[in-house]
Amino acid sequence: MSQDETVVVIPEEEIYDKIEKAVLAIPEVSHFTSEGFQDLLSGIGQAFGYKGHKELLLRRSREEGIKVDIFLALHKNCRVIETARYVQMVVRNLLLSVTDEKISGIDITITDLVN
């Protein structure tokens, strides 16, 4: 990146809100979840300066860019792998539309299937 290029960095709360709305608009998604290990991961992440919000964990690094961890419950009878990939695509497109930061990963963890 040259010195003339700037990276647009928007507030994390705004990113969390946009991700939450976009993901919950997907019909196969029931709700965000956090169970056991995810609670621990979120707590550890927050201890190291990563912020968590509604079972989303967003990490930013100058070298690596943005990494997002999302924990979800899906509706039964949905195609889990296709839905997870679709959630990744939606979140990636959202991030690309609001920031110039590099995206290093979007990890989706399905913790439950509900009726």
Protein backbone atom coordinates (compact mmCIF):
# COMPACT_ATOMS: atom_id res chain seq x y z
CA MET A 1 0.00 0.00 0.00
CA SER A 2 1.43 3.36 -0.95
CA GLN A 3 1.55 6.33 1.37
CA ASP A 4 -1.20 8.03 -0.66
CA GLU A 5 -3.64 5.17 -0.04
CA THR A 6 -5.79 5.34 3.06
CA VAL A 7 -7.77 2.58 4.69
CA VAL A 8 -11.32 3.42 5.70
CA VAL A 9 -11.93 2.21 9.24
CA ILE A 10 -15.49 2.42 10.50
CA PRO A 11 -16.47 2.00 14.16
CA GLU A 12 -16.77 -1.60 15.29
CA GLU A 13 -20.28 -1.07 16.71
CA GLU A 14 -21.45 -0.04 13.25
CA ILE A 15 -19.90 -3.16 11.72
CA TYR A 16 -21.50 -5.37 14.39
CA ASP A 17 -24.93 -3.83 13.77
CA LYS A 18 -24.67 -4.23 10.00
CA ILE A 19 -23.50 -7.85 10.26
CA GLU A 20 -26.26 -8.66 12.75
CA LYS A 21 -29.01 -7.23 10.52
CA ALA A 22 -27.65 -8.86 7.35
CA VAL A 23 -27.23 -12.31 8.92
CA LEU A 24 -30.61 -12.32 10.68
CA ALA A 25 -32.27 -11.40 7.37
CA ILE A 26 -31.22 -14.79 5.97
CA PRO A 27 -34.30 -17.07 6.29
CA GLU A 28 -32.29 -20.16 7.28
CA VAL A 29 -30.72 -18.38 10.28
CA SER A 30 -32.66 -18.68 13.53
CA HIS A 31 -30.49 -16.63 15.89
CA PHE A 32 -26.97 -15.95 17.12
CA THR A 33 -25.74 -18.34 19.78
CA SER A 34 -22.99 -18.70 22.29
CA GLU A 35 -22.41 -21.90 24.17
CA GLY A 36 -19.59 -23.10 26.39
CA PHE A 37 -16.41 -22.83 24.36
CA GLN A 38 -17.71 -19.82 22.43
CA ASP A 39 -18.34 -17.96 25.70
CA LEU A 40 -14.78 -18.77 26.76
CA LEU A 41 -13.40 -17.69 23.37
CA SER A 42 -15.32 -14.43 23.56
CA GLY A 43 -14.09 -13.80 27.12
CA ILE A 44 -10.49 -14.51 26.19
CA GLY A 45 -10.81 -12.36 23.09
CA GLN A 46 -12.15 -9.45 25.08
CA ALA A 47 -9.31 -9.83 27.59
CA PHE A 48 -6.86 -9.36 24.70
CA GLY A 49 -8.68 -6.32 23.34
CA TYR A 50 -11.00 -8.01 20.85
CA LYS A 51 -14.58 -6.90 21.11
CA GLY A 52 -17.52 -9.26 21.05
CA HIS A 53 -21.14 -8.43 20.33
CA LYS A 54 -24.13 -10.76 20.15
CA GLU A 55 -22.01 -13.83 19.58
CA LEU A 56 -19.87 -12.09 16.98
CA LEU A 57 -16.17 -11.70 17.53
CA LEU A 58 -14.34 -9.15 15.42
CA ARG A 59 -10.56 -8.97 15.41
CA ARG A 60 -8.59 -6.30 13.60
CA SER A 61 -4.90 -6.38 12.81
CA ARG A 62 -2.87 -4.03 10.64
CA GLU A 63 -0.95 -6.93 9.15
CA GLU A 64 -3.80 -9.41 8.71
CA GLY A 65 -6.90 -7.22 8.45
CA ILE A 66 -10.34 -8.14 9.77
CA LYS A 67 -11.26 -11.60 11.01
CA VAL A 68 -14.85 -12.37 12.03
CA ASP A 69 -16.15 -15.33 14.07
CA ILE A 70 -19.91 -15.87 14.01
CA PHE A 71 -21.85 -18.39 16.10
CA LEU A 72 -25.32 -19.33 14.79
CA ALA A 73 -28.34 -21.56 15.21
CA LEU A 74 -29.97 -22.54 11.93
CA HIS A 75 -33.43 -23.84 11.19
CA LYS A 76 -33.66 -27.60 10.71
CA ASN A 77 -34.16 -28.77 7.14
CA CYS A 78 -31.82 -26.12 5.76
CA ARG A 79 -28.67 -27.02 3.89
CA VAL A 80 -26.09 -26.32 6.56
CA ILE A 81 -22.95 -26.09 4.41
CA GLU A 82 -24.62 -23.97 1.73
CA THR A 83 -26.15 -21.69 4.38
CA ALA A 84 -22.80 -21.21 6.14
CA ARG A 85 -21.13 -20.37 2.83
CA TYR A 86 -23.95 -17.94 2.03
CA VAL A 87 -23.53 -16.25 5.43
CA GLN A 88 -19.80 -15.91 4.71
CA MET A 89 -20.54 -14.36 1.31
CA VAL A 90 -23.08 -11.91 2.79
CA VAL A 91 -20.68 -10.83 5.54
CA ARG A 92 -17.73 -10.56 3.11
CA ASN A 93 -19.76 -8.39 0.70
CA LEU A 94 -20.96 -6.23 3.59
CA LEU A 95 -17.40 -5.70 4.86
CA LEU A 96 -16.15 -4.89 1.37
CA SER A 97 -18.90 -2.27 1.02
CA VAL A 98 -18.11 -0.47 4.29
CA THR A 99 -14.33 -0.66 4.67
CA ASP A 100 -11.15 -0.95 2.66
CA GLU A 101 -9.54 -3.19 5.27
CA LYS A 102 -8.29 -6.59 4.17
CA ILE A 103 -10.52 -9.51 5.20
CA SER A 104 -8.45 -12.36 6.58
CA GLY A 105 -11.30 -14.69 7.46
CA ILE A 106 -14.96 -15.19 8.24
CA ASP A 107 -15.51 -18.27 10.38
CA ILE A 108 -19.04 -19.58 10.87
CA THR A 109 -19.77 -21.98 13.73
CA ILE A 110 -23.16 -23.68 13.73
CA THR A 111 -23.96 -24.49 17.37
CA ASP A 112 -27.58 -25.61 17.05
CA LEU A 113 -30.37 -26.64 14.68
CA VAL A 114 -33.83 -25.54 15.79
CA ASN A 115 -37.39 -26.15 14.59
